[in-house]
Amino acid sequence: MRMNTIKRNITLVVIILTVAGGCKEGENTSPNTPPGGTGSGNGSSNKEQVLMDYQDVYLANFINPSLSVWEDGDLANCNAGSISAATNQKVLTLINYYRKLVGLPGTVTFEATRNQKCQEAAFMMTANNALNHQPPSSWNCYTANGAEGALRSNLAWGHTTAGLFSQMRDDGSGNYFAGHRRLILSPKGNVFGHGSTNKHMALWVIDSKSAANAPEFIAWPPQGFCPSAFNFKRWSFSVVGGANYENAVVSIKDVNGNNIDLSMENFLTGFGEDTIVWVPQGVQNDMEYTITISNVEVNGKTETYTYKTTLVSV
């Protein structure tokens, strides 16, 4: 299906507020170093490894959203509090888990100053029961550090890994361009920051460094195998390094060659890699789908991209 293009040049590095309210789980390890251990590495072509990583990495680090993760926070005295190093590490591990699924190296780290600014940003959201990337100085418990954290972060209702999940899902009418997901999966993202209260989460995602060994493109669901828990309403695709999608056409076929109905979301530039987004209808678990994106202009040439994905039941 041809993309309905609405191009808007964005000069602000702010992100549309997370409308989806998703929340989930938490606690454990060292917040300033990337995780080691298992991982799908460059892509997700090994079904058994993908299923193992879902259990041993994703579920092992996902924090129950009903758990309290916020320590020493005090709304009455405007104390932003903190979260433990173990909790922070779980968030970092899952950021790198998502990135490795799409073929990016799992090398994102957290930086202490960014963590603190994100903690103050998340606290300001809780103190005012709202999400705002440009909070006014009149807000309860306003700080300049918190305001900077809000400007440079994905924001979510829900804490830690639940907030991260809602940002990857990017549900809600205002998130039609999947901006949160694009920034989490940006090849230019290497140093992030994170802060959470029990109600809100801020994830610093505005970074200017480029990851080495980035794949040719980033797709969600990713090429190869993907746990069915991540079959989000919106699917997305971006060519690393940029492309023109004005005349792009997206099609999906099942293993029997049947076309899958889909609707294109409006296009919006300015959030990580330029990305096209669509909503497929009636996809099933454990069936291989072939996605073809044609008429993509890259460096003055017209290109076609074809890849396969299978949503593995978990």
C-alpha atoms as a PDB file:
ATOM      1  CA  MET A   1       0.000   0.000   0.000  1.00  0.00           C
ATOM      2  CA  ARG A   2       1.273   3.456  -0.918  1.00  0.00           C
ATOM      3  CA  MET A   3       2.168   5.704   1.956  1.00  0.00           C
ATOM      4  CA  ASN A   4      -0.016   8.691   2.758  1.00  0.00           C
ATOM      5  CA  THR A   5       2.734  11.245   3.173  1.00  0.00           C
ATOM      6  CA  ILE A   6       2.500  14.230   5.435  1.00  0.00           C
ATOM      7  CA  LYS A   7       5.957  15.733   5.751  1.00  0.00           C
ATOM      8  CA  ARG A   8       6.643  18.120   8.571  1.00  0.00           C
ATOM      9  CA  ASN A   9      10.115  19.360   9.418  1.00  0.00           C
ATOM     10  CA  ILE A  10      10.671  19.214  13.137  1.00  0.00           C
ATOM     11  CA  THR A  11      13.287  21.452  14.674  1.00  0.00           C
ATOM     12  CA  LEU A  12      12.593  20.638  18.312  1.00  0.00           C
ATOM     13  CA  VAL A  13      14.053  17.459  19.754  1.00  0.00           C
ATOM     14  CA  VAL A  14      10.925  16.776  21.776  1.00  0.00           C
ATOM     15  CA  ILE A  15       8.920  13.582  21.592  1.00  0.00           C
ATOM     16  CA  ILE A  16       5.126  13.287  21.442  1.00  0.00           C
ATOM     17  CA  LEU A  17       3.872  12.228  24.858  1.00  0.00           C
ATOM     18  CA  THR A  18       3.329   8.541  25.450  1.00  0.00           C
ATOM     19  CA  VAL A  19      -0.446   8.071  25.347  1.00  0.00           C
ATOM     20  CA  ALA A  20      -0.367   4.339  26.051  1.00  0.00           C
ATOM     21  CA  GLY A  21      -0.531   3.693  29.759  1.00  0.00           C
ATOM     22  CA  GLY A  22       1.310   0.338  29.826  1.00  0.00           C
ATOM     23  CA  CYS A  23       3.253  -0.648  32.958  1.00  0.00           C
ATOM     24  CA  LYS A  24       5.348  -3.582  34.050  1.00  0.00           C
ATOM     25  CA  GLU A  25       7.825  -5.087  36.554  1.00  0.00           C
ATOM     26  CA  GLY A  26      11.150  -4.963  38.706  1.00  0.00           C
ATOM     27  CA  GLU A  27      14.916  -5.042  40.177  1.00  0.00           C
ATOM     28  CA  ASN A  28      18.787  -6.124  39.908  1.00  0.00           C
ATOM     29  CA  THR A  29      22.578  -5.202  38.763  1.00  0.00           C
ATOM     30  CA  SER A  30      25.029  -2.254  37.606  1.00  0.00           C
ATOM     31  CA  PRO A  31      23.449   0.708  35.776  1.00  0.00           C
ATOM     32  CA  ASN A  32      26.403   2.183  33.953  1.00  0.00           C
ATOM     33  CA  THR A  33      27.607  -0.833  31.977  1.00  0.00           C
ATOM     34  CA  PRO A  34      25.939  -2.789  29.168  1.00  0.00           C
ATOM     35  CA  PRO A  35      24.748  -6.304  29.987  1.00  0.00           C
ATOM     36  CA  GLY A  36      26.705  -9.349  28.973  1.00  0.00           C
ATOM     37  CA  GLY A  37      25.476 -12.909  28.665  1.00  0.00           C
ATOM     38  CA  THR A  38      23.006 -14.196  26.129  1.00  0.00           C
ATOM     39  CA  GLY A  39      21.516 -12.197  23.307  1.00  0.00           C
ATOM     40  CA  SER A  40      20.328 -12.635  19.752  1.00  0.00           C
ATOM     41  CA  GLY A  41      23.345 -10.660  18.536  1.00  0.00           C
ATOM     42  CA  ASN A  42      23.175  -9.378  14.975  1.00  0.00           C
ATOM     43  CA  GLY A  43      19.566 -10.109  14.114  1.00  0.00           C
ATOM     44  CA  SER A  44      17.056 -12.728  15.174  1.00  0.00           C
ATOM     45  CA  SER A  45      17.521 -15.627  12.737  1.00  0.00           C
ATOM     46  CA  ASN A  46      17.887 -18.334  15.407  1.00  0.00           C
ATOM     47  CA  LYS A  47      14.434 -19.287  16.678  1.00  0.00           C
ATOM     48  CA  GLU A  48      15.695 -21.276  19.662  1.00  0.00           C
ATOM     49  CA  GLN A  49      17.963 -18.433  20.748  1.00  0.00           C
ATOM     50  CA  VAL A  50      15.129 -15.921  20.415  1.00  0.00           C
ATOM     51  CA  LEU A  51      12.901 -18.065  22.627  1.00  0.00           C
ATOM     52  CA  MET A  52      15.713 -18.573  25.143  1.00  0.00           C
ATOM     53  CA  ASP A  53      16.473 -14.857  25.280  1.00  0.00           C
ATOM     54  CA  TYR A  54      12.803 -14.055  25.799  1.00  0.00           C
ATOM     55  CA  GLN A  55      12.815 -16.230  28.932  1.00  0.00           C
ATOM     56  CA  ASP A  56      16.321 -15.623  30.229  1.00  0.00           C
ATOM     57  CA  VAL A  57      16.726 -11.958  29.344  1.00  0.00           C
ATOM     58  CA  TYR A  58      13.335 -10.336  28.816  1.00  0.00           C
ATOM     59  CA  LEU A  59      11.172 -12.079  31.412  1.00  0.00           C
ATOM     60  CA  ALA A  60      14.062 -12.310  33.876  1.00  0.00           C
ATOM     61  CA  ASN A  61      14.468  -8.528  33.831  1.00  0.00           C
ATOM     62  CA  PHE A  62      10.906  -7.354  33.410  1.00  0.00           C
ATOM     63  CA  ILE A  63       9.711  -5.623  36.581  1.00  0.00           C
ATOM     64  CA  ASN A  64       6.198  -6.159  37.863  1.00  0.00           C
ATOM     65  CA  PRO A  65       4.453  -2.775  37.501  1.00  0.00           C
ATOM     66  CA  SER A  66       2.692  -3.271  40.816  1.00  0.00           C
ATOM     67  CA  LEU A  67       6.016  -3.351  42.670  1.00  0.00           C
ATOM     68  CA  SER A  68       7.379  -0.229  44.317  1.00  0.00           C
ATOM     69  CA  VAL A  69      10.730   0.817  42.820  1.00  0.00           C
ATOM     70  CA  TRP A  70      10.907   4.396  44.097  1.00  0.00           C
ATOM     71  CA  GLU A  71      13.182   5.003  47.083  1.00  0.00           C
ATOM     72  CA  ASP A  72      13.158   8.053  49.387  1.00  0.00           C
ATOM     73  CA  GLY A  73      10.848  10.115  47.175  1.00  0.00           C
ATOM     74  CA  ASP A  74       8.930  12.837  48.975  1.00  0.00           C
ATOM     75  CA  LEU A  75       6.298  14.895  47.156  1.00  0.00           C
ATOM     76  CA  ALA A  76       5.710  17.209  50.115  1.00  0.00           C
ATOM     77  CA  ASN A  77       9.363  18.249  50.214  1.00  0.00           C
ATOM     78  CA  CYS A  78      10.072  17.952  46.479  1.00  0.00           C
ATOM     79  CA  ASN A  79      12.611  15.170  46.922  1.00  0.00           C
ATOM     80  CA  ALA A  80      12.920  13.280  43.627  1.00  0.00           C
ATOM     81  CA  GLY A  81      14.231  10.170  45.367  1.00  0.00           C
ATOM     82  CA  SER A  82      16.022   7.436  43.454  1.00  0.00           C
ATOM     83  CA  ILE A  83      15.844   3.909  42.137  1.00  0.00           C
ATOM     84  CA  SER A  84      18.333   1.175  42.925  1.00  0.00           C
ATOM     85  CA  ALA A  85      21.279   0.273  40.739  1.00  0.00           C
ATOM     86  CA  ALA A  86      19.728  -3.174  40.339  1.00  0.00           C
ATOM     87  CA  THR A  87      16.490  -1.707  38.991  1.00  0.00           C
ATOM     88  CA  ASN A  88      18.363   0.613  36.654  1.00  0.00           C
ATOM     89  CA  GLN A  89      20.332  -2.325  35.273  1.00  0.00           C
ATOM     90  CA  LYS A  90      17.155  -4.198  34.421  1.00  0.00           C
ATOM     91  CA  VAL A  91      15.954  -1.271  32.329  1.00  0.00           C
ATOM     92  CA  LEU A  92      19.321  -1.025  30.597  1.00  0.00           C
ATOM     93  CA  THR A  93      19.366  -4.756  29.901  1.00  0.00           C
ATOM     94  CA  LEU A  94      15.979  -4.583  28.172  1.00  0.00           C
ATOM     95  CA  ILE A  95      16.944  -1.531  26.114  1.00  0.00           C
ATOM     96  CA  ASN A  96      19.863  -3.532  24.755  1.00  0.00           C
ATOM     97  CA  TYR A  97      17.645  -6.608  24.365  1.00  0.00           C
ATOM     98  CA  TYR A  98      15.284  -4.712  22.057  1.00  0.00           C
ATOM     99  CA  ARG A  99      18.173  -3.211  20.116  1.00  0.00           C
ATOM    100  CA  LYS A 100      19.885  -6.566  19.596  1.00  0.00           C
ATOM    101  CA  LEU A 101      16.636  -8.024  18.240  1.00  0.00           C
ATOM    102  CA  VAL A 102      16.826  -5.577  15.310  1.00  0.00           C
ATOM    103  CA  GLY A 103      20.525  -6.205  14.686  1.00  0.00           C
ATOM    104  CA  LEU A 104      22.041  -3.295  16.601  1.00  0.00           C
ATOM    105  CA  PRO A 105      24.891  -3.965  19.002  1.00  0.00           C
ATOM    106  CA  GLY A 106      23.715  -4.139  22.602  1.00  0.00           C
ATOM    107  CA  THR A 107      26.145  -1.491  23.814  1.00  0.00           C
ATOM    108  CA  VAL A 108      23.944   1.302  25.190  1.00  0.00           C
ATOM    109  CA  THR A 109      25.087   2.540  28.587  1.00  0.00           C
ATOM    110  CA  PHE A 110      23.595   4.853  31.204  1.00  0.00           C
ATOM    111  CA  GLU A 111      25.388   8.007  32.338  1.00  0.00           C
ATOM    112  CA  ALA A 112      25.006   9.147  35.946  1.00  0.00           C
ATOM    113  CA  THR A 113      24.220  12.808  35.209  1.00  0.00           C
ATOM    114  CA  ARG A 114      21.566  11.844  32.667  1.00  0.00           C
ATOM    115  CA  ASN A 115      20.097   9.353  35.128  1.00  0.00           C
ATOM    116  CA  GLN A 116      19.737  12.110  37.723  1.00  0.00           C
ATOM    117  CA  LYS A 117      18.109  14.517  35.273  1.00  0.00           C
ATOM    118  CA  CYS A 118      15.709  11.777  34.200  1.00  0.00           C
ATOM    119  CA  GLN A 119      14.913  11.019  37.837  1.00  0.00           C
ATOM    120  CA  GLU A 120      14.001  14.662  38.400  1.00  0.00           C
ATOM    121  CA  ALA A 121      11.973  14.681  35.182  1.00  0.00           C
ATOM    122  CA  ALA A 122      10.000  11.586  36.179  1.00  0.00           C
ATOM    123  CA  PHE A 123       9.433  13.096  39.629  1.00  0.00           C
ATOM    124  CA  MET A 124       8.101  16.325  38.100  1.00  0.00           C
ATOM    125  CA  MET A 125       5.616  14.280  36.051  1.00  0.00           C
ATOM    126  CA  THR A 126       4.448  12.578  39.233  1.00  0.00           C
ATOM    127  CA  ALA A 127       4.290  15.823  41.206  1.00  0.00           C
ATOM    128  CA  ASN A 128       2.014  17.322  38.521  1.00  0.00           C
ATOM    129  CA  ASN A 129       0.235  14.137  37.410  1.00  0.00           C
ATOM    130  CA  ALA A 130       0.971  14.904  33.764  1.00  0.00           C
ATOM    131  CA  LEU A 131       3.458  14.327  30.965  1.00  0.00           C
ATOM    132  CA  ASN A 132       5.115  17.363  29.418  1.00  0.00           C
ATOM    133  CA  HIS A 133       8.392  17.605  27.479  1.00  0.00           C
ATOM    134  CA  GLN A 134       8.542  21.354  28.156  1.00  0.00           C
ATOM    135  CA  PRO A 135       7.239  21.729  31.706  1.00  0.00           C
ATOM    136  CA  PRO A 136       6.673  25.329  32.804  1.00  0.00           C
ATOM    137  CA  SER A 137       8.655  26.766  35.687  1.00  0.00           C
ATOM    138  CA  SER A 138       5.359  27.177  37.549  1.00  0.00           C
ATOM    139  CA  TRP A 139       5.056  23.399  37.904  1.00  0.00           C
ATOM    140  CA  ASN A 140       5.189  21.816  41.333  1.00  0.00           C
ATOM    141  CA  CYS A 141       8.740  20.730  42.229  1.00  0.00           C
ATOM    142  CA  TYR A 142      10.167  22.255  39.037  1.00  0.00           C
ATOM    143  CA  THR A 143      13.931  22.023  38.513  1.00  0.00           C
ATOM    144  CA  ALA A 144      16.057  23.052  35.537  1.00  0.00           C
ATOM    145  CA  ASN A 145      17.676  19.624  35.513  1.00  0.00           C
ATOM    146  CA  GLY A 146      14.298  17.944  35.444  1.00  0.00           C
ATOM    147  CA  ALA A 147      13.159  20.201  32.610  1.00  0.00           C
ATOM    148  CA  GLU A 148      16.225  19.250  30.559  1.00  0.00           C
ATOM    149  CA  GLY A 149      15.575  15.584  31.268  1.00  0.00           C
ATOM    150  CA  ALA A 150      11.971  15.970  30.115  1.00  0.00           C
ATOM    151  CA  LEU A 151      13.043  17.687  26.882  1.00  0.00           C
ATOM    152  CA  ARG A 152      15.533  14.973  25.931  1.00  0.00           C
ATOM    153  CA  SER A 153      13.555  11.937  27.037  1.00  0.00           C
ATOM    154  CA  ASN A 154      10.775   9.596  26.141  1.00  0.00           C
ATOM    155  CA  LEU A 155       8.164   9.964  28.882  1.00  0.00           C
ATOM    156  CA  ALA A 156       5.707   7.335  30.045  1.00  0.00           C
ATOM    157  CA  TRP A 157       3.007   6.577  32.542  1.00  0.00           C
ATOM    158  CA  GLY A 158       4.241   3.532  34.409  1.00  0.00           C
ATOM    159  CA  HIS A 159       7.708   2.839  35.757  1.00  0.00           C
ATOM    160  CA  THR A 160      10.936   1.208  34.569  1.00  0.00           C
ATOM    161  CA  THR A 161      10.501  -1.724  32.170  1.00  0.00           C
ATOM    162  CA  ALA A 162       6.735  -1.258  31.895  1.00  0.00           C
ATOM    163  CA  GLY A 163       7.267   2.307  30.742  1.00  0.00           C
ATOM    164  CA  LEU A 164       9.884   1.051  28.286  1.00  0.00           C
ATOM    165  CA  PHE A 165       7.432  -1.525  26.925  1.00  0.00           C
ATOM    166  CA  SER A 166       4.770   1.144  26.359  1.00  0.00           C
ATOM    167  CA  GLN A 167       7.294   3.286  24.477  1.00  0.00           C
ATOM    168  CA  MET A 168       8.235   0.370  22.217  1.00  0.00           C
ATOM    169  CA  ARG A 169       4.565  -0.384  21.645  1.00  0.00           C
ATOM    170  CA  ASP A 170       3.808   3.267  20.842  1.00  0.00           C
ATOM    171  CA  ASP A 171       0.058   2.816  20.995  1.00  0.00           C
ATOM    172  CA  GLY A 172      -2.384   5.722  21.076  1.00  0.00           C
ATOM    173  CA  SER A 173      -3.468   8.119  18.347  1.00  0.00           C
ATOM    174  CA  GLY A 174      -0.690  10.635  19.012  1.00  0.00           C
ATOM    175  CA  ASN A 175       2.039   8.053  18.449  1.00  0.00           C
ATOM    176  CA  TYR A 176       1.156   7.223  14.840  1.00  0.00           C
ATOM    177  CA  PHE A 177       4.767   7.790  13.721  1.00  0.00           C
ATOM    178  CA  ALA A 178       6.267   5.477  16.396  1.00  0.00           C
ATOM    179  CA  GLY A 179       8.632   8.193  17.618  1.00  0.00           C
ATOM    180  CA  HIS A 180       9.476   6.585  20.957  1.00  0.00           C
ATOM    181  CA  ARG A 181      10.396   3.273  19.332  1.00  0.00           C
ATOM    182  CA  ARG A 182      12.456   5.057  16.682  1.00  0.00           C
ATOM    183  CA  LEU A 183      14.554   6.799  19.322  1.00  0.00           C
ATOM    184  CA  ILE A 184      15.063   3.676  21.444  1.00  0.00           C
ATOM    185  CA  LEU A 185      16.245   1.831  18.332  1.00  0.00           C
ATOM    186  CA  SER A 186      18.220   4.716  16.829  1.00  0.00           C
ATOM    187  CA  PRO A 187      21.727   3.733  15.651  1.00  0.00           C
ATOM    188  CA  LYS A 188      22.837   7.149  16.965  1.00  0.00           C
ATOM    189  CA  GLY A 189      21.886   6.200  20.501  1.00  0.00           C
ATOM    190  CA  ASN A 190      24.778   5.038  22.668  1.00  0.00           C
ATOM    191  CA  VAL A 191      24.472   6.851  25.996  1.00  0.00           C
ATOM    192  CA  PHE A 192      21.021   7.025  27.587  1.00  0.00           C
ATOM    193  CA  GLY A 193      19.697   7.903  31.008  1.00  0.00           C
ATOM    194  CA  HIS A 194      16.746   6.680  33.060  1.00  0.00           C
ATOM    195  CA  GLY A 195      14.635   7.726  36.012  1.00  0.00           C
ATOM    196  CA  SER A 196      11.381   6.415  37.476  1.00  0.00           C
ATOM    197  CA  THR A 197       8.939   6.980  40.260  1.00  0.00           C
ATOM    198  CA  ASN A 198       6.196   4.453  40.931  1.00  0.00           C
ATOM    199  CA  LYS A 199       3.958   6.297  38.431  1.00  0.00           C
ATOM    200  CA  HIS A 200       6.176   7.765  35.715  1.00  0.00           C
ATOM    201  CA  MET A 201       9.318   7.054  33.747  1.00  0.00           C
ATOM    202  CA  ALA A 202      11.767   9.221  31.771  1.00  0.00           C
ATOM    203  CA  LEU A 203      14.261   7.712  29.336  1.00  0.00           C
ATOM    204  CA  TRP A 204      16.947  10.010  27.903  1.00  0.00           C
ATOM    205  CA  VAL A 205      17.207   9.006  24.237  1.00  0.00           C
ATOM    206  CA  ILE A 206      18.575  12.111  22.501  1.00  0.00           C
ATOM    207  CA  ASP A 207      22.175  11.199  21.667  1.00  0.00           C
ATOM    208  CA  SER A 208      24.437  12.116  18.759  1.00  0.00           C
ATOM    209  CA  LYS A 209      26.925   9.265  18.629  1.00  0.00           C
ATOM    210  CA  SER A 210      26.619   6.537  15.999  1.00  0.00           C
ATOM    211  CA  ALA A 211      26.669   2.854  16.839  1.00  0.00           C
ATOM    212  CA  ALA A 212      29.229   0.765  15.005  1.00  0.00           C
ATOM    213  CA  ASN A 213      28.030  -2.165  12.902  1.00  0.00           C
ATOM    214  CA  ALA A 214      24.497  -0.853  12.430  1.00  0.00           C
ATOM    215  CA  PRO A 215      22.325  -2.983  10.111  1.00  0.00           C
ATOM    216  CA  GLU A 216      21.172  -1.819   6.671  1.00  0.00           C
ATOM    217  CA  PHE A 217      17.668  -1.242   7.995  1.00  0.00           C
ATOM    218  CA  ILE A 218      15.715  -1.417  11.233  1.00  0.00           C
ATOM    219  CA  ALA A 219      12.324  -3.114  11.176  1.00  0.00           C
ATOM    220  CA  TRP A 220       9.745  -3.881  13.832  1.00  0.00           C
ATOM    221  CA  PRO A 221       8.859  -6.654  14.162  1.00  0.00           C
ATOM    222  CA  PRO A 222      12.451  -7.478  13.276  1.00  0.00           C
ATOM    223  CA  GLN A 223      13.685  -9.616  10.439  1.00  0.00           C
ATOM    224  CA  GLY A 224      13.725 -13.287  11.404  1.00  0.00           C
ATOM    225  CA  PHE A 225      11.946 -14.412  14.553  1.00  0.00           C
ATOM    226  CA  CYS A 226      10.230 -12.182  17.097  1.00  0.00           C
ATOM    227  CA  PRO A 227       8.409 -13.144  20.309  1.00  0.00           C
ATOM    228  CA  SER A 228       4.663 -12.759  19.754  1.00  0.00           C
ATOM    229  CA  ALA A 229       4.464 -10.539  22.854  1.00  0.00           C
ATOM    230  CA  PHE A 230       6.027  -7.814  20.691  1.00  0.00           C
ATOM    231  CA  ASN A 231       3.496  -7.985  17.862  1.00  0.00           C
ATOM    232  CA  PHE A 232       2.509  -4.375  18.384  1.00  0.00           C
ATOM    233  CA  LYS A 233      -0.321  -2.745  16.462  1.00  0.00           C
ATOM    234  CA  ARG A 234       2.099  -0.587  14.489  1.00  0.00           C
ATOM    235  CA  TRP A 235       4.854  -2.121  12.361  1.00  0.00           C
ATOM    236  CA  SER A 236       7.738   0.076  11.244  1.00  0.00           C
ATOM    237  CA  PHE A 237      10.730   0.228   8.898  1.00  0.00           C
ATOM    238  CA  SER A 238      13.661   2.601   8.456  1.00  0.00           C
ATOM    239  CA  VAL A 239      16.745   2.621   6.267  1.00  0.00           C
ATOM    240  CA  VAL A 240      19.789   3.413   8.386  1.00  0.00           C
ATOM    241  CA  GLY A 241      21.325   6.632   7.118  1.00  0.00           C
ATOM    242  CA  GLY A 242      18.085   8.011   5.722  1.00  0.00           C
ATOM    243  CA  ALA A 243      15.755   7.549   2.761  1.00  0.00           C
ATOM    244  CA  ASN A 244      12.861   9.218   0.948  1.00  0.00           C
ATOM    245  CA  TYR A 245       9.600   7.296   1.459  1.00  0.00           C
ATOM    246  CA  GLU A 246       7.303   9.677  -0.402  1.00  0.00           C
ATOM    247  CA  ASN A 247       6.464   7.089  -3.060  1.00  0.00           C
ATOM    248  CA  ALA A 248       7.131   3.979  -0.981  1.00  0.00           C
ATOM    249  CA  VAL A 249       4.728   1.045  -1.240  1.00  0.00           C
ATOM    250  CA  VAL A 250       4.438  -1.587   1.512  1.00  0.00           C
ATOM    251  CA  SER A 251       3.062  -5.083   0.963  1.00  0.00           C
ATOM    252  CA  ILE A 252       2.859  -8.162   3.192  1.00  0.00           C
ATOM    253  CA  LYS A 253       2.298 -11.736   2.028  1.00  0.00           C
ATOM    254  CA  ASP A 254       1.788 -14.876   4.085  1.00  0.00           C
ATOM    255  CA  VAL A 255       3.454 -18.216   3.275  1.00  0.00           C
ATOM    256  CA  ASN A 256       0.659 -19.027   0.842  1.00  0.00           C
ATOM    257  CA  GLY A 257       1.196 -15.822  -1.122  1.00  0.00           C
ATOM    258  CA  ASN A 258      -1.944 -14.145   0.191  1.00  0.00           C
ATOM    259  CA  ASN A 259      -1.804 -10.369   0.612  1.00  0.00           C
ATOM    260  CA  ILE A 260      -2.318  -9.060   4.145  1.00  0.00           C
ATOM    261  CA  ASP A 261      -4.468  -5.961   4.421  1.00  0.00           C
ATOM    262  CA  LEU A 262      -2.745  -2.981   5.962  1.00  0.00           C
ATOM    263  CA  SER A 263      -3.211   0.734   6.422  1.00  0.00           C
ATOM    264  CA  MET A 264      -0.403   3.270   6.313  1.00  0.00           C
ATOM    265  CA  GLU A 265       0.126   5.781   9.084  1.00  0.00           C
ATOM    266  CA  ASN A 266       0.998   9.366   8.199  1.00  0.00           C
ATOM    267  CA  PHE A 267       4.688  10.073   7.821  1.00  0.00           C
ATOM    268  CA  LEU A 268       6.574  12.366  10.184  1.00  0.00           C
ATOM    269  CA  THR A 269      10.264  13.165  10.072  1.00  0.00           C
ATOM    270  CA  GLY A 270      12.588  14.276  12.857  1.00  0.00           C
ATOM    271  CA  PHE A 271      12.698  11.442  15.423  1.00  0.00           C
ATOM    272  CA  GLY A 272      15.714   9.190  15.069  1.00  0.00           C
ATOM    273  CA  GLU A 273      15.799   7.550  11.650  1.00  0.00           C
ATOM    274  CA  ASP A 274      13.019   8.591   9.270  1.00  0.00           C
ATOM    275  CA  THR A 275      10.551   5.716   9.424  1.00  0.00           C
ATOM    276  CA  ILE A 276       7.428   4.483   7.678  1.00  0.00           C
ATOM    277  CA  VAL A 277       4.734   2.953   9.848  1.00  0.00           C
ATOM    278  CA  TRP A 278       1.748   0.781   8.992  1.00  0.00           C
ATOM    279  CA  VAL A 279      -0.966  -1.256  10.711  1.00  0.00           C
ATOM    280  CA  PRO A 280      -1.422  -4.809   9.390  1.00  0.00           C
ATOM    281  CA  GLN A 281      -4.660  -6.728   9.828  1.00  0.00           C
ATOM    282  CA  GLY A 282      -5.130 -10.339  10.899  1.00  0.00           C
ATOM    283  CA  VAL A 283      -1.516 -11.466  11.313  1.00  0.00           C
ATOM    284  CA  GLN A 284      -1.086 -14.779  13.104  1.00  0.00           C
ATOM    285  CA  ASN A 285       1.535 -16.266  15.353  1.00  0.00           C
ATOM    286  CA  ASP A 286       3.964 -18.871  14.018  1.00  0.00           C
ATOM    287  CA  MET A 287       3.438 -17.918  10.392  1.00  0.00           C
ATOM    288  CA  GLU A 288       6.179 -16.443   8.237  1.00  0.00           C
ATOM    289  CA  TYR A 289       5.361 -13.151   6.537  1.00  0.00           C
ATOM    290  CA  THR A 290       7.258 -11.523   3.706  1.00  0.00           C
ATOM    291  CA  ILE A 291       7.375  -7.731   3.824  1.00  0.00           C
ATOM    292  CA  THR A 292       8.317  -5.816   0.684  1.00  0.00           C
ATOM    293  CA  ILE A 293       8.915  -2.079   0.665  1.00  0.00           C
ATOM    294  CA  SER A 294       9.404  -0.737  -2.845  1.00  0.00           C
ATOM    295  CA  ASN A 295       9.989   2.683  -4.410  1.00  0.00           C
ATOM    296  CA  VAL A 296      12.281   3.804  -1.623  1.00  0.00           C
ATOM    297  CA  GLU A 297      14.679   6.526  -2.743  1.00  0.00           C
ATOM    298  CA  VAL A 298      18.170   6.177  -1.272  1.00  0.00           C
ATOM    299  CA  ASN A 299      20.970   8.439  -2.452  1.00  0.00           C
ATOM    300  CA  GLY A 300      19.117   9.207  -5.657  1.00  0.00           C
ATOM    301  CA  LYS A 301      18.392   5.552  -6.488  1.00  0.00           C
ATOM    302  CA  THR A 302      15.122   3.660  -6.210  1.00  0.00           C
ATOM    303  CA  GLU A 303      15.473   0.635  -3.959  1.00  0.00           C
ATOM    304  CA  THR A 304      13.291  -2.294  -2.865  1.00  0.00           C
ATOM    305  CA  TYR A 305      13.687  -3.998   0.510  1.00  0.00           C
ATOM    306  CA  THR A 306      12.337  -7.467   1.244  1.00  0.00           C
ATOM    307  CA  TYR A 307      12.585  -9.361   4.525  1.00  0.00           C
ATOM    308  CA  LYS A 308      10.714 -12.072   6.403  1.00  0.00           C
ATOM    309  CA  THR A 309       9.420 -12.114   9.956  1.00  0.00           C
ATOM    310  CA  THR A 310       7.746 -14.773  12.098  1.00  0.00           C
ATOM    311  CA  LEU A 311       5.925 -14.017  15.340  1.00  0.00           C
ATOM    312  CA  VAL A 312       6.856 -16.930  17.590  1.00  0.00           C
ATOM    313  CA  SER A 313       4.325 -17.904  20.242  1.00  0.00           C
ATOM    314  CA  VAL A 314       5.547 -17.269  23.781  1.00  0.00           C
END
